[in-house]
PDB file of all heavy atoms in Angstrom:
ATOM      1  N   LEU A   1      72.733  52.258  39.530  1.00  0.00           N
ATOM      2  CA  LEU A   1      73.453  51.446  40.509  1.00  0.00           C
ATOM      3  C   LEU A   1      72.817  50.059  40.612  1.00  0.00           C
ATOM      4  O   LEU A   1      71.612  49.947  40.824  1.00  0.00           O
ATOM      5  CB  LEU A   1      73.442  52.145  41.868  1.00  0.00           C
ATOM      6  CG  LEU A   1      74.438  51.653  42.922  1.00  0.00           C
ATOM      7  CD1 LEU A   1      75.872  51.755  42.397  1.00  0.00           C
ATOM      8  CD2 LEU A   1      74.281  52.463  44.186  1.00  0.00           C
ATOM      9  N   THR A   2      73.615  49.019  40.482  1.00  0.00           N
ATOM     10  CA  THR A   2      73.136  47.647  40.627  1.00  0.00           C
ATOM     11  C   THR A   2      73.942  46.951  41.718  1.00  0.00           C
ATOM     12  O   THR A   2      74.985  47.439  42.168  1.00  0.00           O
ATOM     13  CB  THR A   2      73.293  46.862  39.325  1.00  0.00           C
ATOM     14  OG1 THR A   2      74.705  46.731  39.037  1.00  0.00           O
ATOM     15  CG2 THR A   2      72.598  47.567  38.170  1.00  0.00           C
ATOM     16  N   LEU A   3      73.472  45.781  42.119  1.00  0.00           N
ATOM     17  CA  LEU A   3      74.168  45.022  43.157  1.00  0.00           C
ATOM     18  C   LEU A   3      75.556  44.614  42.681  1.00  0.00           C
ATOM     19  O   LEU A   3      76.521  44.658  43.455  1.00  0.00           O
ATOM     20  CB  LEU A   3      73.347  43.788  43.537  1.00  0.00           C
ATOM     21  CG  LEU A   3      73.899  42.935  44.685  1.00  0.00           C
ATOM     22  CD1 LEU A   3      74.032  43.767  45.961  1.00  0.00           C
ATOM     23  CD2 LEU A   3      73.008  41.722  44.931  1.00  0.00           C
ATOM     24  N   ASP A   4      75.685  44.219  41.422  1.00  0.00           N
ATOM     25  CA  ASP A   4      76.996  43.811  40.891  1.00  0.00           C
ATOM     26  C   ASP A   4      77.986  44.974  40.906  1.00  0.00           C
ATOM     27  O   ASP A   4      79.161  44.804  41.255  1.00  0.00           O
ATOM     28  CB  ASP A   4      76.844  43.274  39.460  1.00  0.00           C
ATOM     29  CG  ASP A   4      76.189  41.903  39.436  1.00  0.00           C
ATOM     30  OD1 ASP A   4      76.223  41.220  40.468  1.00  0.00           O
ATOM     31  OD2 ASP A   4      75.635  41.535  38.373  1.00  0.00           O
ATOM     32  N   ILE A   5      77.511  46.163  40.510  1.00  0.00           N
ATOM     33  CA  ILE A   5      78.379  47.352  40.540  1.00  0.00           C
ATOM     34  C   ILE A   5      78.789  47.663  41.971  1.00  0.00           C
ATOM     35  O   ILE A   5      79.950  47.979  42.256  1.00  0.00           O
ATOM     36  CB  ILE A   5      77.670  48.552  39.911  1.00  0.00           C
ATOM     37  CG1 ILE A   5      77.538  48.366  38.388  1.00  0.00           C
ATOM     38  CG2 ILE A   5      78.425  49.853  40.208  1.00  0.00           C
ATOM     39  CD1 ILE A   5      76.741  49.458  37.696  1.00  0.00           C
ATOM     40  N   ALA A   6      77.841  47.554  42.904  1.00  0.00           N
ATOM     41  CA  ALA A   6      78.132  47.847  44.317  1.00  0.00           C
ATOM     42  C   ALA A   6      79.182  46.879  44.860  1.00  0.00           C
ATOM     43  O   ALA A   6      80.106  47.279  45.569  1.00  0.00           O
ATOM     44  CB  ALA A   6      76.852  47.762  45.133  1.00  0.00           C
ATOM     45  N   LYS A   7      79.047  45.586  44.521  1.00  0.00           N
ATOM     46  CA  LYS A   7      80.028  44.590  44.977  1.00  0.00           C
ATOM     47  C   LYS A   7      81.411  44.896  44.429  1.00  0.00           C
ATOM     48  O   LYS A   7      82.419  44.751  45.126  1.00  0.00           O
ATOM     49  CB  LYS A   7      79.593  43.195  44.544  1.00  0.00           C
ATOM     50  CG  LYS A   7      78.426  42.634  45.341  1.00  0.00           C
ATOM     51  CD  LYS A   7      78.058  41.239  44.863  1.00  0.00           C
ATOM     52  CE  LYS A   7      76.931  40.657  45.690  1.00  0.00           C
ATOM     53  NZ  LYS A   7      76.538  39.291  45.216  1.00  0.00           N
ATOM     54  N   GLU A   8      81.455  45.324  43.164  1.00  0.00           N
ATOM     55  CA  GLU A   8      82.730  45.671  42.557  1.00  0.00           C
ATOM     56  C   GLU A   8      83.371  46.872  43.236  1.00  0.00           C
ATOM     57  O   GLU A   8      84.577  46.882  43.534  1.00  0.00           O
ATOM     58  CB  GLU A   8      82.522  45.972  41.065  1.00  0.00           C
ATOM     59  CG  GLU A   8      83.795  46.321  40.318  1.00  0.00           C
ATOM     60  CD  GLU A   8      83.536  46.689  38.861  1.00  0.00           C
ATOM     61  OE1 GLU A   8      82.436  46.376  38.361  1.00  0.00           O
ATOM     62  OE2 GLU A   8      84.416  47.279  38.244  1.00  0.00           O
ATOM     63  N   GLN A   9      82.570  47.881  43.532  1.00  0.00           N
ATOM     64  CA  GLN A   9      83.085  49.087  44.170  1.00  0.00           C
ATOM     65  C   GLN A   9      83.516  48.845  45.621  1.00  0.00           C
ATOM     66  O   GLN A   9      84.407  49.525  46.130  1.00  0.00           O
ATOM     67  CB  GLN A   9      82.021  50.187  44.125  1.00  0.00           C
ATOM     68  CG  GLN A   9      81.753  50.745  42.737  1.00  0.00           C
ATOM     69  CD  GLN A   9      82.994  51.395  42.143  1.00  0.00           C
ATOM     70  OE1 GLN A   9      83.589  52.288  42.739  1.00  0.00           O
ATOM     71  NE2 GLN A   9      83.404  50.916  40.970  1.00  0.00           N
ATOM     72  N   LEU A  10      82.863  47.895  46.280  1.00  0.00           N
ATOM     73  CA  LEU A  10      83.178  47.609  47.681  1.00  0.00           C
ATOM     74  C   LEU A  10      84.042  46.362  47.831  1.00  0.00           C
ATOM     75  O   LEU A  10      84.127  45.791  48.918  1.00  0.00           O
ATOM     76  CB  LEU A  10      81.881  47.441  48.479  1.00  0.00           C
ATOM     77  CG  LEU A  10      80.948  48.646  48.537  1.00  0.00           C
ATOM     78  CD1 LEU A  10      79.691  48.299  49.333  1.00  0.00           C
ATOM     79  CD2 LEU A  10      81.644  49.853  49.136  1.00  0.00           C
ATOM     80  N   SER A  11      84.690  45.947  46.754  1.00  0.00           N
ATOM     81  CA  SER A  11      85.445  44.688  46.775  1.00  0.00           C
ATOM     82  C   SER A  11      86.541  44.682  47.823  1.00  0.00           C
ATOM     83  O   SER A  11      86.836  43.646  48.418  1.00  0.00           O
ATOM     84  CB  SER A  11      86.044  44.405  45.382  1.00  0.00           C
ATOM     85  OG  SER A  11      86.902  45.478  44.992  1.00  0.00           O
ATOM     86  N   ASP A  12      87.161  45.844  48.079  1.00  0.00           N
ATOM     87  CA  ASP A  12      88.220  45.901  49.095  1.00  0.00           C
ATOM     88  C   ASP A  12      87.699  45.581  50.478  1.00  0.00           C
ATOM     89  O   ASP A  12      88.421  45.047  51.320  1.00  0.00           O
ATOM     90  CB  ASP A  12      88.861  47.291  49.111  1.00  0.00           C
ATOM     91  CG  ASP A  12      89.697  47.555  47.860  1.00  0.00           C
ATOM     92  OD1 ASP A  12      90.012  46.575  47.158  1.00  0.00           O
ATOM     93  OD2 ASP A  12      89.998  48.726  47.594  1.00  0.00           O
ATOM     94  N   SER A  13      86.434  45.935  50.723  1.00  0.00           N
ATOM     95  CA  SER A  13      85.832  45.692  52.031  1.00  0.00           C
ATOM     96  C   SER A  13      85.185  44.314  52.122  1.00  0.00           C
ATOM     97  O   SER A  13      85.228  43.651  53.161  1.00  0.00           O
ATOM     98  CB  SER A  13      84.777  46.763  52.333  1.00  0.00           C
ATOM     99  OG  SER A  13      85.367  48.033  52.346  1.00  0.00           O
ATOM    100  N   ILE A  14      84.575  43.904  50.994  1.00  0.00           N
ATOM    101  CA  ILE A  14      83.868  42.625  51.004  1.00  0.00           C
ATOM    102  C   ILE A  14      84.842  41.471  50.814  1.00  0.00           C
ATOM    103  O   ILE A  14      84.667  40.391  51.357  1.00  0.00           O
ATOM    104  CB  ILE A  14      82.795  42.588  49.881  1.00  0.00           C
ATOM    105  CG1 ILE A  14      81.768  43.686  50.122  1.00  0.00           C
ATOM    106  CG2 ILE A  14      82.122  41.228  49.819  1.00  0.00           C
ATOM    107  CD1 ILE A  14      80.777  43.827  48.996  1.00  0.00           C
ATOM    108  N   GLY A  15      85.902  41.691  50.024  1.00  0.00           N
ATOM    109  CA  GLY A  15      86.825  40.624  49.699  1.00  0.00           C
ATOM    110  C   GLY A  15      86.126  39.583  48.847  1.00  0.00           C
ATOM    111  O   GLY A  15      85.310  39.898  48.001  1.00  0.00           O
ATOM    112  N   SER A  16      86.432  38.341  49.067  1.00  0.00           N
ATOM    113  CA  SER A  16      85.839  37.258  48.288  1.00  0.00           C
ATOM    114  C   SER A  16      84.589  36.699  48.939  1.00  0.00           C
ATOM    115  O   SER A  16      84.030  35.729  48.484  1.00  0.00           O
ATOM    116  CB  SER A  16      86.868  36.118  48.105  1.00  0.00           C
ATOM    117  OG  SER A  16      88.001  36.605  47.404  1.00  0.00           O
ATOM    118  N   ASN A  17      84.176  37.248  50.043  1.00  0.00           N
ATOM    119  CA  ASN A  17      82.952  36.816  50.700  1.00  0.00           C
ATOM    120  C   ASN A  17      81.775  37.454  49.975  1.00  0.00           C
ATOM    121  O   ASN A  17      81.470  38.610  50.173  1.00  0.00           O
ATOM    122  CB  ASN A  17      82.979  37.264  52.177  1.00  0.00           C
ATOM    123  CG  ASN A  17      81.779  36.758  52.936  1.00  0.00           C
ATOM    124  OD1 ASN A  17      80.824  36.251  52.364  1.00  0.00           O
ATOM    125  ND2 ASN A  17      81.861  36.919  54.253  1.00  0.00           N
ATOM    126  N   GLU A  18      81.120  36.700  49.106  1.00  0.00           N
ATOM    127  CA  GLU A  18      80.108  37.258  48.214  1.00  0.00           C
ATOM    128  C   GLU A  18      78.956  37.912  48.967  1.00  0.00           C
ATOM    129  O   GLU A  18      78.371  38.865  48.513  1.00  0.00           O
ATOM    130  CB  GLU A  18      79.556  36.146  47.296  1.00  0.00           C
ATOM    131  CG  GLU A  18      80.529  35.727  46.207  1.00  0.00           C
ATOM    132  CD  GLU A  18      80.826  36.878  45.254  1.00  0.00           C
ATOM    133  OE1 GLU A  18      79.893  37.539  44.790  1.00  0.00           O
ATOM    134  OE2 GLU A  18      82.013  37.107  44.973  1.00  0.00           O
ATOM    135  N   SER A  19      78.590  37.373  50.103  1.00  0.00           N
ATOM    136  CA  SER A  19      77.445  37.922  50.826  1.00  0.00           C
ATOM    137  C   SER A  19      77.827  39.134  51.640  1.00  0.00           C
ATOM    138  O   SER A  19      76.976  39.915  52.053  1.00  0.00           O
ATOM    139  CB  SER A  19      76.860  36.858  51.772  1.00  0.00           C
ATOM    140  OG  SER A  19      77.787  36.557  52.802  1.00  0.00           O
ATOM    141  N   GLY A  20      79.155  39.275  51.926  1.00  0.00           N
ATOM    142  CA  GLY A  20      79.572  40.378  52.784  1.00  0.00           C
ATOM    143  C   GLY A  20      79.342  40.085  54.257  1.00  0.00           C
ATOM    144  O   GLY A  20      79.610  40.908  55.102  1.00  0.00           O
ATOM    145  N   ILE A  21      78.818  38.895  54.594  1.00  0.00           N
ATOM    146  CA  ILE A  21      78.501  38.541  55.968  1.00  0.00           C
ATOM    147  C   ILE A  21      79.608  37.657  56.530  1.00  0.00           C
ATOM    148  O   ILE A  21      79.970  36.627  55.943  1.00  0.00           O
ATOM    149  CB  ILE A  21      77.156  37.803  56.055  1.00  0.00           C
ATOM    150  CG1 ILE A  21      76.040  38.680  55.464  1.00  0.00           C
ATOM    151  CG2 ILE A  21      76.844  37.422  57.484  1.00  0.00           C
ATOM    152  CD1 ILE A  21      74.711  37.964  55.363  1.00  0.00           C
ATOM    153  N   ILE A  22      80.154  38.023  57.650  1.00  0.00           N
ATOM    154  CA  ILE A  22      81.208  37.265  58.310  1.00  0.00           C
ATOM    155  C   ILE A  22      80.567  36.411  59.399  1.00  0.00           C
ATOM    156  O   ILE A  22      79.773  36.904  60.201  1.00  0.00           O
ATOM    157  CB  ILE A  22      82.274  38.199  58.900  1.00  0.00           C
ATOM    158  CG1 ILE A  22      82.972  38.973  57.775  1.00  0.00           C
ATOM    159  CG2 ILE A  22      83.298  37.409  59.713  1.00  0.00           C
ATOM    160  CD1 ILE A  22      83.895  40.067  58.275  1.00  0.00           C
ATOM    161  N   THR A  23      80.906  35.133  59.431  1.00  0.00           N
ATOM    162  CA  THR A  23      80.357  34.232  60.434  1.00  0.00           C
ATOM    163  C   THR A  23      81.438  33.824  61.432  1.00  0.00           C
ATOM    164  O   THR A  23      82.642  33.909  61.152  1.00  0.00           O
ATOM    165  CB  THR A  23      79.779  32.971  59.790  1.00  0.00           C
ATOM    166  OG1 THR A  23      80.850  32.225  59.171  1.00  0.00           O
ATOM    167  CG2 THR A  23      78.747  33.338  58.722  1.00  0.00           C
ATOM    168  N   VAL A  24      81.013  33.339  62.589  1.00  0.00           N
ATOM    169  CA  VAL A  24      81.946  32.834  63.583  1.00  0.00           C
ATOM    170  C   VAL A  24      82.695  31.632  63.034  1.00  0.00           C
ATOM    171  O   VAL A  24      83.902  31.436  63.292  1.00  0.00           O
ATOM    172  CB  VAL A  24      81.206  32.473  64.890  1.00  0.00           C
ATOM    173  CG1 VAL A  24      82.140  31.748  65.853  1.00  0.00           C
ATOM    174  CG2 VAL A  24      80.649  33.721  65.555  1.00  0.00           C
ATOM    175  N   GLU A  25      82.016  30.831  62.248  1.00  0.00           N
ATOM    176  CA  GLU A  25      82.639  29.647  61.637  1.00  0.00           C
ATOM    177  C   GLU A  25      83.826  30.053  60.758  1.00  0.00           C
ATOM    178  O   GLU A  25      84.898  29.422  60.802  1.00  0.00           O
ATOM    179  CB  GLU A  25      81.610  28.897  60.810  1.00  0.00           C
ATOM    180  CG  GLU A  25      82.145  27.596  60.201  1.00  0.00           C
ATOM    181  CD  GLU A  25      81.097  26.867  59.380  1.00  0.00           C
ATOM    182  OE1 GLU A  25      79.970  27.401  59.231  1.00  0.00           O
ATOM    183  OE2 GLU A  25      81.402  25.770  58.887  1.00  0.00           O
ATOM    184  N   THR A  26      83.657  31.110  59.980  1.00  0.00           N
ATOM    185  CA  THR A  26      84.746  31.613  59.136  1.00  0.00           C
ATOM    186  C   THR A  26      85.918  32.089  59.991  1.00  0.00           C
ATOM    187  O   THR A  26      87.079  31.793  59.707  1.00  0.00           O
ATOM    188  CB  THR A  26      84.252  32.773  58.254  1.00  0.00           C
ATOM    189  OG1 THR A  26      83.237  32.303  57.373  1.00  0.00           O
ATOM    190  CG2 THR A  26      85.381  33.366  57.433  1.00  0.00           C
ATOM    191  N   ILE A  27      85.619  32.817  61.036  1.00  0.00           N
ATOM    192  CA  ILE A  27      86.668  33.330  61.931  1.00  0.00           C
ATOM    193  C   ILE A  27      87.429  32.167  62.567  1.00  0.00           C
ATOM    194  O   ILE A  27      88.668  32.172  62.640  1.00  0.00           O
ATOM    195  CB  ILE A  27      86.043  34.238  63.012  1.00  0.00           C
ATOM    196  CG1 ILE A  27      85.488  35.514  62.368  1.00  0.00           C
ATOM    197  CG2 ILE A  27      87.073  34.578  64.099  1.00  0.00           C
ATOM    198  CD1 ILE A  27      84.676  36.367  63.300  1.00  0.00           C
ATOM    199  N   GLN A  28      86.708  31.148  63.023  1.00  0.00           N
ATOM    200  CA  GLN A  28      87.361  29.992  63.638  1.00  0.00           C
ATOM    201  C   GLN A  28      88.292  29.291  62.651  1.00  0.00           C
ATOM    202  O   GLN A  28      89.405  28.891  63.020  1.00  0.00           O
ATOM    203  CB  GLN A  28      86.296  29.014  64.148  1.00  0.00           C
ATOM    204  CG  GLN A  28      85.518  29.527  65.341  1.00  0.00           C
ATOM    205  CD  GLN A  28      84.344  28.638  65.700  1.00  0.00           C
ATOM    206  OE1 GLN A  28      83.852  27.880  64.863  1.00  0.00           O
ATOM    207  NE2 GLN A  28      83.894  28.723  66.958  1.00  0.00           N
ATOM    208  N   LYS A  29      87.852  29.147  61.414  1.00  0.00           N
ATOM    209  CA  LYS A  29      88.667  28.468  60.401  1.00  0.00           C
ATOM    210  C   LYS A  29      89.933  29.270  60.086  1.00  0.00           C
ATOM    211  O   LYS A  29      91.043  28.704  60.035  1.00  0.00           O
ATOM    212  CB  LYS A  29      87.842  28.294  59.114  1.00  0.00           C
ATOM    213  CG  LYS A  29      88.573  27.542  58.008  1.00  0.00           C
ATOM    214  CD  LYS A  29      88.763  26.063  58.380  1.00  0.00           C
ATOM    215  CE  LYS A  29      89.288  25.255  57.190  1.00  0.00           C
ATOM    216  NZ  LYS A  29      90.709  25.524  56.941  1.00  0.00           N
ATOM    217  N   VAL A  30      89.792  30.585  59.913  1.00  0.00           N
ATOM    218  CA  VAL A  30      90.938  31.424  59.576  1.00  0.00           C
ATOM    219  C   VAL A  30      91.943  31.463  60.719  1.00  0.00           C
ATOM    220  O   VAL A  30      93.170  31.323  60.508  1.00  0.00           O
ATOM    221  CB  VAL A  30      90.482  32.853  59.211  1.00  0.00           C
ATOM    222  CG1 VAL A  30      91.678  33.797  59.100  1.00  0.00           C
ATOM    223  CG2 VAL A  30      89.694  32.847  57.913  1.00  0.00           C
ATOM    224  N   VAL A  31      91.464  31.635  61.946  1.00  0.00           N
ATOM    225  CA  VAL A  31      92.356  31.699  63.112  1.00  0.00           C
ATOM    226  C   VAL A  31      93.056  30.358  63.330  1.00  0.00           C
ATOM    227  O   VAL A  31      94.260  30.294  63.616  1.00  0.00           O
ATOM    228  CB  VAL A  31      91.577  32.115  64.378  1.00  0.00           C
ATOM    229  CG1 VAL A  31      92.462  32.007  65.619  1.00  0.00           C
ATOM    230  CG2 VAL A  31      91.048  33.541  64.240  1.00  0.00           C
ATOM    231  N   SER A  32      92.315  29.264  63.155  1.00  0.00           N
ATOM    232  CA  SER A  32      92.918  27.927  63.320  1.00  0.00           C
ATOM    233  C   SER A  32      94.012  27.687  62.301  1.00  0.00           C
ATOM    234  O   SER A  32      95.101  27.175  62.640  1.00  0.00           O
ATOM    235  CB  SER A  32      91.834  26.845  63.186  1.00  0.00           C
ATOM    236  OG  SER A  32      90.884  26.956  64.221  1.00  0.00           O
ATOM    237  N   ASP A  33      93.766  28.055  61.054  1.00  0.00           N
ATOM    238  CA  ASP A  33      94.779  27.894  60.008  1.00  0.00           C
ATOM    239  C   ASP A  33      96.014  28.741  60.313  1.00  0.00           C
ATOM    240  O   ASP A  33      97.162  28.307  60.103  1.00  0.00           O
ATOM    241  CB  ASP A  33      94.201  28.285  58.642  1.00  0.00           C
ATOM    242  CG  ASP A  33      93.186  27.265  58.136  1.00  0.00           C
ATOM    243  OD1 ASP A  33      93.114  26.157  58.717  1.00  0.00           O
ATOM    244  OD2 ASP A  33      92.461  27.589  57.182  1.00  0.00           O
ATOM    245  N   TYR A  34      95.787  29.946  60.788  1.00  0.00           N
ATOM    246  CA  TYR A  34      96.890  30.879  61.068  1.00  0.00           C
ATOM    247  C   TYR A  34      97.811  30.313  62.165  1.00  0.00           C
ATOM    248  O   TYR A  34      99.036  30.435  62.092  1.00  0.00           O
ATOM    249  CB  TYR A  34      96.325  32.224  61.504  1.00  0.00           C
ATOM    250  CG  TYR A  34      97.353  33.306  61.748  1.00  0.00           C
ATOM    251  CD1 TYR A  34      97.827  34.095  60.696  1.00  0.00           C
ATOM    252  CD2 TYR A  34      97.848  33.544  63.015  1.00  0.00           C
ATOM    253  CE1 TYR A  34      98.769  35.088  60.906  1.00  0.00           C
ATOM    254  CE2 TYR A  34      98.799  34.532  63.253  1.00  0.00           C
ATOM    255  CZ  TYR A  34      99.252  35.304  62.196  1.00  0.00           C
ATOM    256  OH  TYR A  34     100.199  36.287  62.418  1.00  0.00           O
ATOM    257  N   TYR A  35      97.204  29.682  63.186  1.00  0.00           N
ATOM    258  CA  TYR A  35      97.998  29.148  64.307  1.00  0.00           C
ATOM    259  C   TYR A  35      98.302  27.665  64.151  1.00  0.00           C
ATOM    260  O   TYR A  35      98.845  27.030  65.076  1.00  0.00           O
ATOM    261  CB  TYR A  35      97.261  29.406  65.631  1.00  0.00           C
ATOM    262  CG  TYR A  35      97.366  30.846  66.080  1.00  0.00           C
ATOM    263  CD1 TYR A  35      96.342  31.742  65.842  1.00  0.00           C
ATOM    264  CD2 TYR A  35      98.513  31.299  66.743  1.00  0.00           C
ATOM    265  CE1 TYR A  35      96.447  33.065  66.245  1.00  0.00           C
ATOM    266  CE2 TYR A  35      98.615  32.617  67.161  1.00  0.00           C
ATOM    267  CZ  TYR A  35      97.577  33.499  66.905  1.00  0.00           C
ATOM    268  OH  TYR A  35      97.682  34.811  67.302  1.00  0.00           O
ATOM    269  N   ASN A  36      97.922  27.093  62.974  1.00  0.00           N
ATOM    270  CA  ASN A  36      98.225  25.697  62.687  1.00  0.00           C
ATOM    271  C   ASN A  36      97.643  24.755  63.745  1.00  0.00           C
ATOM    272  O   ASN A  36      98.321  23.847  64.249  1.00  0.00           O
ATOM    273  CB  ASN A  36      99.732  25.493  62.556  1.00  0.00           C
ATOM    274  CG  ASN A  36     100.073  24.189  61.848  1.00  0.00           C
ATOM    275  OD1 ASN A  36      99.280  23.671  61.058  1.00  0.00           O
ATOM    276  ND2 ASN A  36     101.240  23.631  62.159  1.00  0.00           N
ATOM    277  N   ILE A  37      96.405  24.986  64.109  1.00  0.00           N
ATOM    278  CA  ILE A  37      95.676  24.093  65.002  1.00  0.00           C
ATOM    279  C   ILE A  37      94.337  23.755  64.344  1.00  0.00           C
ATOM    280  O   ILE A  37      93.955  24.365  63.349  1.00  0.00           O
ATOM    281  CB  ILE A  37      95.428  24.736  66.396  1.00  0.00           C
ATOM    282  CG1 ILE A  37      94.610  26.029  66.246  1.00  0.00           C
ATOM    283  CG2 ILE A  37      96.739  25.002  67.111  1.00  0.00           C
ATOM    284  CD1 ILE A  37      94.250  26.692  67.571  1.00  0.00           C
ATOM    285  N   SER A  38      93.622  22.798  64.911  1.00  0.00           N
ATOM    286  CA  SER A  38      92.320  22.436  64.347  1.00  0.00           C
ATOM    287  C   SER A  38      91.213  23.270  65.003  1.00  0.00           C
ATOM    288  O   SER A  38      91.387  23.788  66.122  1.00  0.00           O
ATOM    289  CB  SER A  38      92.034  20.954  64.581  1.00  0.00           C
ATOM    290  OG  SER A  38      91.850  20.692  65.960  1.00  0.00           O
ATOM    291  N   VAL A  39      90.081  23.353  64.311  1.00  0.00           N
ATOM    292  CA  VAL A  39      88.938  24.086  64.876  1.00  0.00           C
ATOM    293  C   VAL A  39      88.459  23.407  66.152  1.00  0.00           C
ATOM    294  O   VAL A  39      88.073  24.072  67.125  1.00  0.00           O
ATOM    295  CB  VAL A  39      87.785  24.187  63.842  1.00  0.00           C
ATOM    296  CG1 VAL A  39      86.548  24.782  64.490  1.00  0.00           C
ATOM    297  CG2 VAL A  39      88.202  25.016  62.639  1.00  0.00           C
ATOM    298  N   SER A  40      88.493  22.086  66.183  1.00  0.00           N
ATOM    299  CA  SER A  40      88.056  21.375  67.395  1.00  0.00           C
ATOM    300  C   SER A  40      88.963  21.694  68.580  1.00  0.00           C
ATOM    301  O   SER A  40      88.493  21.824  69.718  1.00  0.00           O
ATOM    302  CB  SER A  40      88.028  19.868  67.133  1.00  0.00           C
ATOM    303  OG  SER A  40      89.316  19.394  66.766  1.00  0.00           O
ATOM    304  N   GLU A  41      90.273  21.845  68.324  1.00  0.00           N
ATOM    305  CA  GLU A  41      91.187  22.237  69.401  1.00  0.00           C
ATOM    306  C   GLU A  41      90.878  23.665  69.855  1.00  0.00           C
ATOM    307  O   GLU A  41      90.932  23.975  71.053  1.00  0.00           O
ATOM    308  CB  GLU A  41      92.639  22.156  68.910  1.00  0.00           C
ATOM    309  CG  GLU A  41      93.158  20.737  68.776  1.00  0.00           C
ATOM    310  CD  GLU A  41      94.564  20.707  68.241  1.00  0.00           C
ATOM    311  OE1 GLU A  41      94.830  21.384  67.224  1.00  0.00           O
ATOM    312  OE2 GLU A  41      95.422  20.026  68.835  1.00  0.00           O
TER     313      GLU A  41
END
């Protein structure tokens, strides 16, 4: 078992976030884009 194999097997959960770590900044950007507003708003 290697890290690359693990990432491949968990790709559905990790998605394209290589570190697997979700930040508040990411959440703010995704939610803002979804509602068509800016992060500052």
